[in-house]
Amino acid sequence: MEIQNKDLLQKLNRSGFTDKESLVYVSLLELGGAYPSRIAQYCNLRRSTVYNILLSLSVRGIVNEIEKKNKSFYQIENPEKIKRYVNNKLQQVKDTADNLDKVIPEIFSLYNIGSNSPKVTYYSGRENLLSIYDDMVAYKKPYEMLSFTSAEKFSYIMKKNDADKYFKAKQKIGITTRTIVPDTKENRMVIAKICENIDKKYWPNSRFVEEKTFPSVTETVIYSPNKVAIINLDEKSPTGVIIEDPAIHNMMKAIFELSWNSRSVKE
């Protein structure tokens, strides 16, 4: 492969080009235009692959095709065309999201029909666990969240930027929190650290229990009108479930209140 601007390949990949599209585009840029056979030789791709990519880039208005010596010759278009193409794609995504917002209530109405069984949704991996925390702030009315947690372990899953976004969303909605946490120096420090950018009114009202009594590496959150989340905060195997059921929600809420008022729990 003769490509000189290898850094540009990576930047194009991050901008939405596939690896092979980046190769073909940069080849054209460096060659100043070329026949498909020359491009294939230059970037070490099959000629049929290059033809397909050129067709795709041409349809998107990123390269143009002209006839030269009775053969198809390709050149890149003004680079502004890339920006215009990306902006059009962004608008299409926005339109799709707007349309989805309109249809989601109807989907939920059908989703909730015909079953009295608890709805259980399973999540695996740190990125997917963030969806559980998104769900905790999806109910846009003020409520009190209750949780058993390890603040130290929570910070393994919820990195600083994620935590800031989450706690600010709770503050905006007006969600207050009571939580029971193992009594360790690390947990007390982490609670203050992760909440430092929000109004103290929305800091968790925390009570503590001896670590040997409650050596938790999980988090149980009772939230919304009828949901409970149980999350394994272990870095090596982060998993979680959301259980949507009023009876289970109320039972867990009662267990929390019994624990909150227990003699073994202290401020």
C-alpha atoms as a PDB file:
ATOM      1  CA  MET A   1       0.000   0.000   0.000  1.00  0.00           C
ATOM      2  CA  GLU A   2       1.329   3.424  -0.975  1.00  0.00           C
ATOM      3  CA  ILE A   3      -0.924   5.589   1.222  1.00  0.00           C
ATOM      4  CA  GLN A   4       1.042   8.490   2.720  1.00  0.00           C
ATOM      5  CA  ASN A   5      -1.534  10.192   4.958  1.00  0.00           C
ATOM      6  CA  LYS A   6      -2.236   7.324   7.348  1.00  0.00           C
ATOM      7  CA  ASP A   7      -3.373   9.673  10.140  1.00  0.00           C
ATOM      8  CA  LEU A   8      -6.093  10.944   7.828  1.00  0.00           C
ATOM      9  CA  LEU A   9      -7.378   7.384   7.443  1.00  0.00           C
ATOM     10  CA  GLN A  10      -8.038   7.153  11.175  1.00  0.00           C
ATOM     11  CA  LYS A  11      -9.704  10.560  11.276  1.00  0.00           C
ATOM     12  CA  LEU A  12     -12.024   9.612   8.419  1.00  0.00           C
ATOM     13  CA  ASN A  13     -12.891   6.368  10.199  1.00  0.00           C
ATOM     14  CA  ARG A  14     -13.932   8.365  13.249  1.00  0.00           C
ATOM     15  CA  SER A  15     -16.032  10.585  10.966  1.00  0.00           C
ATOM     16  CA  GLY A  16     -18.191   7.743   9.696  1.00  0.00           C
ATOM     17  CA  PHE A  17     -16.166   6.255   6.840  1.00  0.00           C
ATOM     18  CA  THR A  18     -15.492   2.520   6.810  1.00  0.00           C
ATOM     19  CA  ASP A  19     -11.856   1.384   6.678  1.00  0.00           C
ATOM     20  CA  LYS A  20     -12.058   0.636   2.951  1.00  0.00           C
ATOM     21  CA  GLU A  21     -13.943   3.840   2.124  1.00  0.00           C
ATOM     22  CA  SER A  22     -11.176   5.779   3.876  1.00  0.00           C
ATOM     23  CA  LEU A  23      -8.539   3.951   1.820  1.00  0.00           C
ATOM     24  CA  VAL A  24     -10.288   4.717  -1.462  1.00  0.00           C
ATOM     25  CA  TYR A  25     -10.981   8.350  -0.571  1.00  0.00           C
ATOM     26  CA  VAL A  26      -7.414   9.094   0.587  1.00  0.00           C
ATOM     27  CA  SER A  27      -6.047   7.293  -2.480  1.00  0.00           C
ATOM     28  CA  LEU A  28      -8.074   9.589  -4.730  1.00  0.00           C
ATOM     29  CA  LEU A  29      -6.938  12.584  -2.719  1.00  0.00           C
ATOM     30  CA  GLU A  30      -3.265  11.665  -3.046  1.00  0.00           C
ATOM     31  CA  LEU A  31      -3.528  10.648  -6.700  1.00  0.00           C
ATOM     32  CA  GLY A  32      -5.510  13.736  -7.660  1.00  0.00           C
ATOM     33  CA  GLY A  33      -8.014  11.505  -9.432  1.00  0.00           C
ATOM     34  CA  ALA A  34      -7.583   8.062 -10.983  1.00  0.00           C
ATOM     35  CA  TYR A  35      -9.118   5.104 -12.760  1.00  0.00           C
ATOM     36  CA  PRO A  36     -10.456   2.329 -10.487  1.00  0.00           C
ATOM     37  CA  SER A  37      -7.638  -0.020 -11.486  1.00  0.00           C
ATOM     38  CA  ARG A  38      -5.006   2.489 -10.358  1.00  0.00           C
ATOM     39  CA  ILE A  39      -6.861   3.127  -7.084  1.00  0.00           C
ATOM     40  CA  ALA A  40      -7.062  -0.628  -6.416  1.00  0.00           C
ATOM     41  CA  GLN A  41      -3.319  -0.929  -6.985  1.00  0.00           C
ATOM     42  CA  TYR A  42      -2.556   2.125  -4.861  1.00  0.00           C
ATOM     43  CA  CYS A  43      -4.513   1.012  -1.790  1.00  0.00           C
ATOM     44  CA  ASN A  44      -4.161  -2.751  -2.281  1.00  0.00           C
ATOM     45  CA  LEU A  45      -7.869  -3.574  -2.572  1.00  0.00           C
ATOM     46  CA  ARG A  46      -9.682  -5.760  -5.070  1.00  0.00           C
ATOM     47  CA  ARG A  47     -10.847  -3.878  -8.147  1.00  0.00           C
ATOM     48  CA  SER A  48     -14.449  -5.054  -7.618  1.00  0.00           C
ATOM     49  CA  THR A  49     -14.342  -3.729  -4.053  1.00  0.00           C
ATOM     50  CA  VAL A  50     -13.038  -0.368  -5.263  1.00  0.00           C
ATOM     51  CA  TYR A  51     -15.809  -0.151  -7.900  1.00  0.00           C
ATOM     52  CA  ASN A  52     -18.484  -0.725  -5.228  1.00  0.00           C
ATOM     53  CA  ILE A  53     -16.968   1.846  -2.874  1.00  0.00           C
ATOM     54  CA  LEU A  54     -16.630   4.440  -5.645  1.00  0.00           C
ATOM     55  CA  LEU A  55     -20.278   3.919  -6.529  1.00  0.00           C
ATOM     56  CA  SER A  56     -21.295   4.438  -2.906  1.00  0.00           C
ATOM     57  CA  LEU A  57     -19.137   7.572  -2.503  1.00  0.00           C
ATOM     58  CA  SER A  58     -20.437   8.899  -5.809  1.00  0.00           C
ATOM     59  CA  VAL A  59     -24.075   8.435  -4.762  1.00  0.00           C
ATOM     60  CA  ARG A  60     -23.302  10.310  -1.550  1.00  0.00           C
ATOM     61  CA  GLY A  61     -21.806  13.181  -3.566  1.00  0.00           C
ATOM     62  CA  ILE A  62     -18.330  12.775  -2.085  1.00  0.00           C
ATOM     63  CA  VAL A  63     -16.585  11.814  -5.329  1.00  0.00           C
ATOM     64  CA  ASN A  64     -17.530  12.417  -8.960  1.00  0.00           C
ATOM     65  CA  GLU A  65     -17.245  10.254 -12.046  1.00  0.00           C
ATOM     66  CA  ILE A  66     -16.251  11.544 -15.487  1.00  0.00           C
ATOM     67  CA  GLU A  67     -15.588   9.770 -18.743  1.00  0.00           C
ATOM     68  CA  LYS A  68     -11.975   9.869 -19.807  1.00  0.00           C
ATOM     69  CA  LYS A  69     -10.591   7.865 -22.727  1.00  0.00           C
ATOM     70  CA  ASN A  70     -13.896   5.980 -22.835  1.00  0.00           C
ATOM     71  CA  LYS A  71     -13.403   4.826 -19.250  1.00  0.00           C
ATOM     72  CA  SER A  72     -14.714   5.967 -15.856  1.00  0.00           C
ATOM     73  CA  PHE A  73     -12.320   8.331 -14.116  1.00  0.00           C
ATOM     74  CA  TYR A  74     -12.912   9.432 -10.503  1.00  0.00           C
ATOM     75  CA  GLN A  75     -12.040  12.585  -8.583  1.00  0.00           C
ATOM     76  CA  ILE A  76     -12.932  13.813  -5.118  1.00  0.00           C
ATOM     77  CA  GLU A  77     -15.559  16.515  -4.822  1.00  0.00           C
ATOM     78  CA  ASN A  78     -15.035  19.707  -2.807  1.00  0.00           C
ATOM     79  CA  PRO A  79     -14.397  18.491   0.785  1.00  0.00           C
ATOM     80  CA  GLU A  80     -17.332  20.653   1.914  1.00  0.00           C
ATOM     81  CA  LYS A  81     -19.507  17.932   0.370  1.00  0.00           C
ATOM     82  CA  ILE A  82     -18.429  15.583   3.186  1.00  0.00           C
ATOM     83  CA  LYS A  83     -19.638  18.036   5.812  1.00  0.00           C
ATOM     84  CA  ARG A  84     -22.894  18.512   3.922  1.00  0.00           C
ATOM     85  CA  TYR A  85     -23.380  14.740   3.710  1.00  0.00           C
ATOM     86  CA  VAL A  86     -22.713  14.260   7.445  1.00  0.00           C
ATOM     87  CA  ASN A  87     -25.108  17.103   8.338  1.00  0.00           C
ATOM     88  CA  ASN A  88     -27.796  15.479   6.196  1.00  0.00           C
ATOM     89  CA  LYS A  89     -27.221  12.167   7.990  1.00  0.00           C
ATOM     90  CA  LEU A  90     -27.453  13.906  11.367  1.00  0.00           C
ATOM     91  CA  GLN A  91     -30.748  15.484  10.330  1.00  0.00           C
ATOM     92  CA  GLN A  92     -32.034  12.069   9.254  1.00  0.00           C
ATOM     93  CA  VAL A  93     -31.070  10.616  12.640  1.00  0.00           C
ATOM     94  CA  LYS A  94     -32.819  13.518  14.413  1.00  0.00           C
ATOM     95  CA  ASP A  95     -35.943  13.003  12.318  1.00  0.00           C
ATOM     96  CA  THR A  96     -35.869   9.288  13.123  1.00  0.00           C
ATOM     97  CA  ALA A  97     -35.508  10.016  16.852  1.00  0.00           C
ATOM     98  CA  ASP A  98     -38.383  12.519  16.721  1.00  0.00           C
ATOM     99  CA  ASN A  99     -40.601   9.966  14.985  1.00  0.00           C
ATOM    100  CA  LEU A 100     -39.604   7.312  17.516  1.00  0.00           C
ATOM    101  CA  ASP A 101     -40.577   9.621  20.387  1.00  0.00           C
ATOM    102  CA  LYS A 102     -44.044   9.822  18.867  1.00  0.00           C
ATOM    103  CA  VAL A 103     -44.478   6.074  18.522  1.00  0.00           C
ATOM    104  CA  ILE A 104     -42.903   4.950  21.830  1.00  0.00           C
ATOM    105  CA  PRO A 105     -46.061   5.637  23.934  1.00  0.00           C
ATOM    106  CA  GLU A 106     -48.072   3.401  21.593  1.00  0.00           C
ATOM    107  CA  ILE A 107     -45.431   0.659  21.833  1.00  0.00           C
ATOM    108  CA  PHE A 108     -45.468   0.873  25.622  1.00  0.00           C
ATOM    109  CA  SER A 109     -49.246   0.661  25.709  1.00  0.00           C
ATOM    110  CA  LEU A 110     -49.059  -2.622  23.758  1.00  0.00           C
ATOM    111  CA  TYR A 111     -46.039  -3.814  25.765  1.00  0.00           C
ATOM    112  CA  ASN A 112     -47.951  -3.451  29.032  1.00  0.00           C
ATOM    113  CA  ILE A 113     -51.081  -5.283  27.866  1.00  0.00           C
ATOM    114  CA  GLY A 114     -51.964  -8.829  28.774  1.00  0.00           C
ATOM    115  CA  SER A 115     -49.622  -9.814  31.561  1.00  0.00           C
ATOM    116  CA  ASN A 116     -49.720  -9.499  35.322  1.00  0.00           C
ATOM    117  CA  SER A 117     -46.234 -10.986  35.666  1.00  0.00           C
ATOM    118  CA  PRO A 118     -43.313  -8.776  36.702  1.00  0.00           C
ATOM    119  CA  LYS A 119     -41.405  -7.385  33.740  1.00  0.00           C
ATOM    120  CA  VAL A 120     -37.710  -8.190  34.078  1.00  0.00           C
ATOM    121  CA  THR A 121     -35.052  -6.651  31.823  1.00  0.00           C
ATOM    122  CA  TYR A 122     -31.481  -7.942  31.990  1.00  0.00           C
ATOM    123  CA  TYR A 123     -28.309  -5.924  31.296  1.00  0.00           C
ATOM    124  CA  SER A 124     -24.661  -6.960  31.015  1.00  0.00           C
ATOM    125  CA  GLY A 125     -21.483  -4.861  30.723  1.00  0.00           C
ATOM    126  CA  ARG A 126     -20.660  -1.409  32.081  1.00  0.00           C
ATOM    127  CA  GLU A 127     -22.010   0.543  29.099  1.00  0.00           C
ATOM    128  CA  ASN A 128     -25.313  -1.339  29.217  1.00  0.00           C
ATOM    129  CA  LEU A 129     -25.616  -0.811  32.973  1.00  0.00           C
ATOM    130  CA  LEU A 130     -25.684   2.926  32.315  1.00  0.00           C
ATOM    131  CA  SER A 131     -29.087   2.312  30.702  1.00  0.00           C
ATOM    132  CA  ILE A 132     -30.389   1.289  34.130  1.00  0.00           C
ATOM    133  CA  TYR A 133     -29.357   4.645  35.582  1.00  0.00           C
ATOM    134  CA  ASP A 134     -30.904   6.401  32.573  1.00  0.00           C
ATOM    135  CA  ASP A 135     -34.158   4.619  33.412  1.00  0.00           C
ATOM    136  CA  MET A 136     -34.015   5.970  36.971  1.00  0.00           C
ATOM    137  CA  VAL A 137     -34.287   9.522  35.604  1.00  0.00           C
ATOM    138  CA  ALA A 138     -36.729   8.667  32.799  1.00  0.00           C
ATOM    139  CA  TYR A 139     -39.698   9.242  35.136  1.00  0.00           C
ATOM    140  CA  LYS A 140     -39.947  13.024  34.901  1.00  0.00           C
ATOM    141  CA  LYS A 141     -41.728  13.704  38.193  1.00  0.00           C
ATOM    142  CA  PRO A 142     -40.160  14.256  41.629  1.00  0.00           C
ATOM    143  CA  TYR A 143     -39.975  11.155  43.830  1.00  0.00           C
ATOM    144  CA  GLU A 144     -37.823   9.679  46.593  1.00  0.00           C
ATOM    145  CA  MET A 145     -35.298   7.072  45.518  1.00  0.00           C
ATOM    146  CA  LEU A 146     -34.221   4.447  48.064  1.00  0.00           C
ATOM    147  CA  SER A 147     -31.084   2.360  47.765  1.00  0.00           C
ATOM    148  CA  PHE A 148     -28.709  -0.103  49.355  1.00  0.00           C
ATOM    149  CA  THR A 149     -25.327   0.496  47.768  1.00  0.00           C
ATOM    150  CA  SER A 150     -21.569   0.699  47.955  1.00  0.00           C
ATOM    151  CA  ALA A 151     -20.560   4.187  46.841  1.00  0.00           C
ATOM    152  CA  GLU A 152     -17.013   3.012  46.216  1.00  0.00           C
ATOM    153  CA  LYS A 153     -18.150   0.185  43.930  1.00  0.00           C
ATOM    154  CA  PHE A 154     -20.715   2.485  42.281  1.00  0.00           C
ATOM    155  CA  SER A 155     -17.848   4.701  41.110  1.00  0.00           C
ATOM    156  CA  TYR A 156     -16.336   1.728  39.236  1.00  0.00           C
ATOM    157  CA  ILE A 157     -19.408   1.580  37.019  1.00  0.00           C
ATOM    158  CA  MET A 158     -20.416   5.240  36.975  1.00  0.00           C
ATOM    159  CA  LYS A 159     -17.391   7.267  35.876  1.00  0.00           C
ATOM    160  CA  LYS A 160     -17.134  10.972  36.782  1.00  0.00           C
ATOM    161  CA  ASN A 161     -18.753  12.358  33.611  1.00  0.00           C
ATOM    162  CA  ASP A 162     -21.549   9.771  33.768  1.00  0.00           C
ATOM    163  CA  ALA A 163     -22.123  10.481  37.464  1.00  0.00           C
ATOM    164  CA  ASP A 164     -22.262  14.255  36.914  1.00  0.00           C
ATOM    165  CA  LYS A 165     -24.874  13.804  34.182  1.00  0.00           C
ATOM    166  CA  TYR A 166     -26.902  11.385  36.322  1.00  0.00           C
ATOM    167  CA  PHE A 167     -26.934  13.504  39.487  1.00  0.00           C
ATOM    168  CA  LYS A 168     -27.706  16.706  37.581  1.00  0.00           C
ATOM    169  CA  ALA A 169     -30.650  14.952  35.926  1.00  0.00           C
ATOM    170  CA  LYS A 170     -31.903  13.871  39.366  1.00  0.00           C
ATOM    171  CA  GLN A 171     -31.558  17.441  40.622  1.00  0.00           C
ATOM    172  CA  LYS A 172     -33.408  18.867  37.610  1.00  0.00           C
ATOM    173  CA  ILE A 173     -36.330  16.478  38.107  1.00  0.00           C
ATOM    174  CA  GLY A 174     -36.330  16.878  41.895  1.00  0.00           C
ATOM    175  CA  ILE A 175     -35.434  13.294  42.852  1.00  0.00           C
ATOM    176  CA  THR A 176     -34.257  12.977  46.465  1.00  0.00           C
ATOM    177  CA  THR A 177     -32.429   9.922  47.779  1.00  0.00           C
ATOM    178  CA  ARG A 178     -32.037   7.948  50.952  1.00  0.00           C
ATOM    179  CA  THR A 179     -29.327   5.303  50.925  1.00  0.00           C
ATOM    180  CA  ILE A 180     -27.798   2.711  53.228  1.00  0.00           C
ATOM    181  CA  VAL A 181     -24.064   2.195  52.710  1.00  0.00           C
ATOM    182  CA  PRO A 182     -21.277   0.103  54.288  1.00  0.00           C
ATOM    183  CA  ASP A 183     -19.465   2.311  56.803  1.00  0.00           C
ATOM    184  CA  THR A 184     -15.997   2.751  55.318  1.00  0.00           C
ATOM    185  CA  LYS A 185     -13.779   5.787  54.906  1.00  0.00           C
ATOM    186  CA  GLU A 186     -13.773   5.225  51.147  1.00  0.00           C
ATOM    187  CA  ASN A 187     -17.560   5.207  50.897  1.00  0.00           C
ATOM    188  CA  ARG A 188     -17.910   8.425  52.877  1.00  0.00           C
ATOM    189  CA  MET A 189     -15.288  10.121  50.675  1.00  0.00           C
ATOM    190  CA  VAL A 190     -16.804   8.895  47.410  1.00  0.00           C
ATOM    191  CA  ILE A 191     -20.294  10.115  48.319  1.00  0.00           C
ATOM    192  CA  ALA A 192     -18.932  13.642  48.818  1.00  0.00           C
ATOM    193  CA  LYS A 193     -16.810  13.443  45.666  1.00  0.00           C
ATOM    194  CA  ILE A 194     -19.488  12.257  43.230  1.00  0.00           C
ATOM    195  CA  CYS A 195     -22.006  14.802  44.502  1.00  0.00           C
ATOM    196  CA  GLU A 196     -19.717  17.834  44.593  1.00  0.00           C
ATOM    197  CA  ASN A 197     -21.284  19.477  41.519  1.00  0.00           C
ATOM    198  CA  ILE A 198     -24.918  19.405  42.678  1.00  0.00           C
ATOM    199  CA  ASP A 199     -26.987  21.276  45.249  1.00  0.00           C
ATOM    200  CA  LYS A 200     -26.554  19.728  48.705  1.00  0.00           C
ATOM    201  CA  LYS A 201     -30.328  19.435  48.900  1.00  0.00           C
ATOM    202  CA  TYR A 202     -30.005  16.579  46.430  1.00  0.00           C
ATOM    203  CA  TRP A 203     -27.060  14.809  48.054  1.00  0.00           C
ATOM    204  CA  PRO A 204     -28.056  11.321  49.229  1.00  0.00           C
ATOM    205  CA  ASN A 205     -29.332  11.249  52.807  1.00  0.00           C
ATOM    206  CA  SER A 206     -26.994   8.454  53.858  1.00  0.00           C
ATOM    207  CA  ARG A 207     -26.978   6.101  56.796  1.00  0.00           C
ATOM    208  CA  PHE A 208     -24.221   3.619  57.447  1.00  0.00           C
ATOM    209  CA  VAL A 209     -23.933   0.054  58.640  1.00  0.00           C
ATOM    210  CA  GLU A 210     -20.835  -1.860  59.738  1.00  0.00           C
ATOM    211  CA  GLU A 211     -19.005  -3.245  56.721  1.00  0.00           C
ATOM    212  CA  LYS A 212     -18.772  -6.756  58.190  1.00  0.00           C
ATOM    213  CA  THR A 213     -22.566  -6.739  58.537  1.00  0.00           C
ATOM    214  CA  PHE A 214     -23.161  -5.391  55.055  1.00  0.00           C
ATOM    215  CA  PRO A 215     -20.158  -6.161  52.768  1.00  0.00           C
ATOM    216  CA  SER A 216     -22.060  -5.171  49.653  1.00  0.00           C
ATOM    217  CA  VAL A 217     -20.722  -5.311  46.101  1.00  0.00           C
ATOM    218  CA  THR A 218     -24.232  -4.856  44.718  1.00  0.00           C
ATOM    219  CA  GLU A 219     -26.686  -2.014  44.533  1.00  0.00           C
ATOM    220  CA  THR A 220     -30.438  -2.300  45.002  1.00  0.00           C
ATOM    221  CA  VAL A 221     -32.416   0.782  43.996  1.00  0.00           C
ATOM    222  CA  ILE A 222     -36.140   1.237  44.626  1.00  0.00           C
ATOM    223  CA  TYR A 223     -37.284   3.923  42.220  1.00  0.00           C
ATOM    224  CA  SER A 224     -40.008   5.377  40.040  1.00  0.00           C
ATOM    225  CA  PRO A 225     -43.548   4.368  41.049  1.00  0.00           C
ATOM    226  CA  ASN A 226     -43.038   0.625  40.552  1.00  0.00           C
ATOM    227  CA  LYS A 227     -39.447  -0.392  39.729  1.00  0.00           C
ATOM    228  CA  VAL A 228     -36.507  -2.058  41.465  1.00  0.00           C
ATOM    229  CA  ALA A 229     -33.012  -2.331  40.001  1.00  0.00           C
ATOM    230  CA  ILE A 230     -30.480  -4.872  41.272  1.00  0.00           C
ATOM    231  CA  ILE A 231     -26.948  -4.264  40.008  1.00  0.00           C
ATOM    232  CA  ASN A 232     -23.741  -6.239  40.451  1.00  0.00           C
ATOM    233  CA  LEU A 233     -21.088  -3.529  40.792  1.00  0.00           C
ATOM    234  CA  ASP A 234     -18.150  -5.927  40.369  1.00  0.00           C
ATOM    235  CA  GLU A 235     -15.766  -4.524  37.729  1.00  0.00           C
ATOM    236  CA  LYS A 236     -15.115  -7.992  36.295  1.00  0.00           C
ATOM    237  CA  SER A 237     -18.740  -9.034  35.829  1.00  0.00           C
ATOM    238  CA  PRO A 238     -21.039  -5.990  35.875  1.00  0.00           C
ATOM    239  CA  THR A 239     -24.631  -7.121  35.405  1.00  0.00           C
ATOM    240  CA  GLY A 240     -28.046  -5.902  36.424  1.00  0.00           C
ATOM    241  CA  VAL A 241     -31.798  -6.300  36.161  1.00  0.00           C
ATOM    242  CA  ILE A 242     -34.770  -3.957  36.264  1.00  0.00           C
ATOM    243  CA  ILE A 243     -37.886  -5.487  37.829  1.00  0.00           C
ATOM    244  CA  GLU A 244     -41.097  -3.623  37.077  1.00  0.00           C
ATOM    245  CA  ASP A 245     -43.819  -4.714  39.485  1.00  0.00           C
ATOM    246  CA  PRO A 246     -45.795  -2.720  42.098  1.00  0.00           C
ATOM    247  CA  ALA A 247     -45.897  -5.575  44.647  1.00  0.00           C
ATOM    248  CA  ILE A 248     -42.141  -6.191  44.527  1.00  0.00           C
ATOM    249  CA  HIS A 249     -41.504  -2.427  44.587  1.00  0.00           C
ATOM    250  CA  ASN A 250     -43.639  -2.026  47.722  1.00  0.00           C
ATOM    251  CA  MET A 251     -42.075  -5.059  49.417  1.00  0.00           C
ATOM    252  CA  MET A 252     -38.550  -3.726  48.813  1.00  0.00           C
ATOM    253  CA  LYS A 253     -39.620  -0.306  50.026  1.00  0.00           C
ATOM    254  CA  ALA A 254     -40.871  -1.859  53.291  1.00  0.00           C
ATOM    255  CA  ILE A 255     -37.584  -3.769  53.713  1.00  0.00           C
ATOM    256  CA  PHE A 256     -35.658  -0.542  53.207  1.00  0.00           C
ATOM    257  CA  GLU A 257     -37.729   1.297  55.853  1.00  0.00           C
ATOM    258  CA  LEU A 258     -37.165  -1.527  58.357  1.00  0.00           C
ATOM    259  CA  SER A 259     -33.429  -1.333  57.663  1.00  0.00           C
ATOM    260  CA  TRP A 260     -33.368   2.484  57.805  1.00  0.00           C
ATOM    261  CA  ASN A 261     -34.867   2.458  61.308  1.00  0.00           C
ATOM    262  CA  SER A 262     -32.748  -0.445  62.550  1.00  0.00           C
ATOM    263  CA  ARG A 263     -30.448   0.109  65.544  1.00  0.00           C
ATOM    264  CA  SER A 264     -27.527  -1.223  63.525  1.00  0.00           C
ATOM    265  CA  VAL A 265     -27.840   1.635  61.044  1.00  0.00           C
ATOM    266  CA  LYS A 266     -26.285   4.971  61.999  1.00  0.00           C
ATOM    267  CA  GLU A 267     -25.899   8.437  60.498  1.00  0.00           C
END
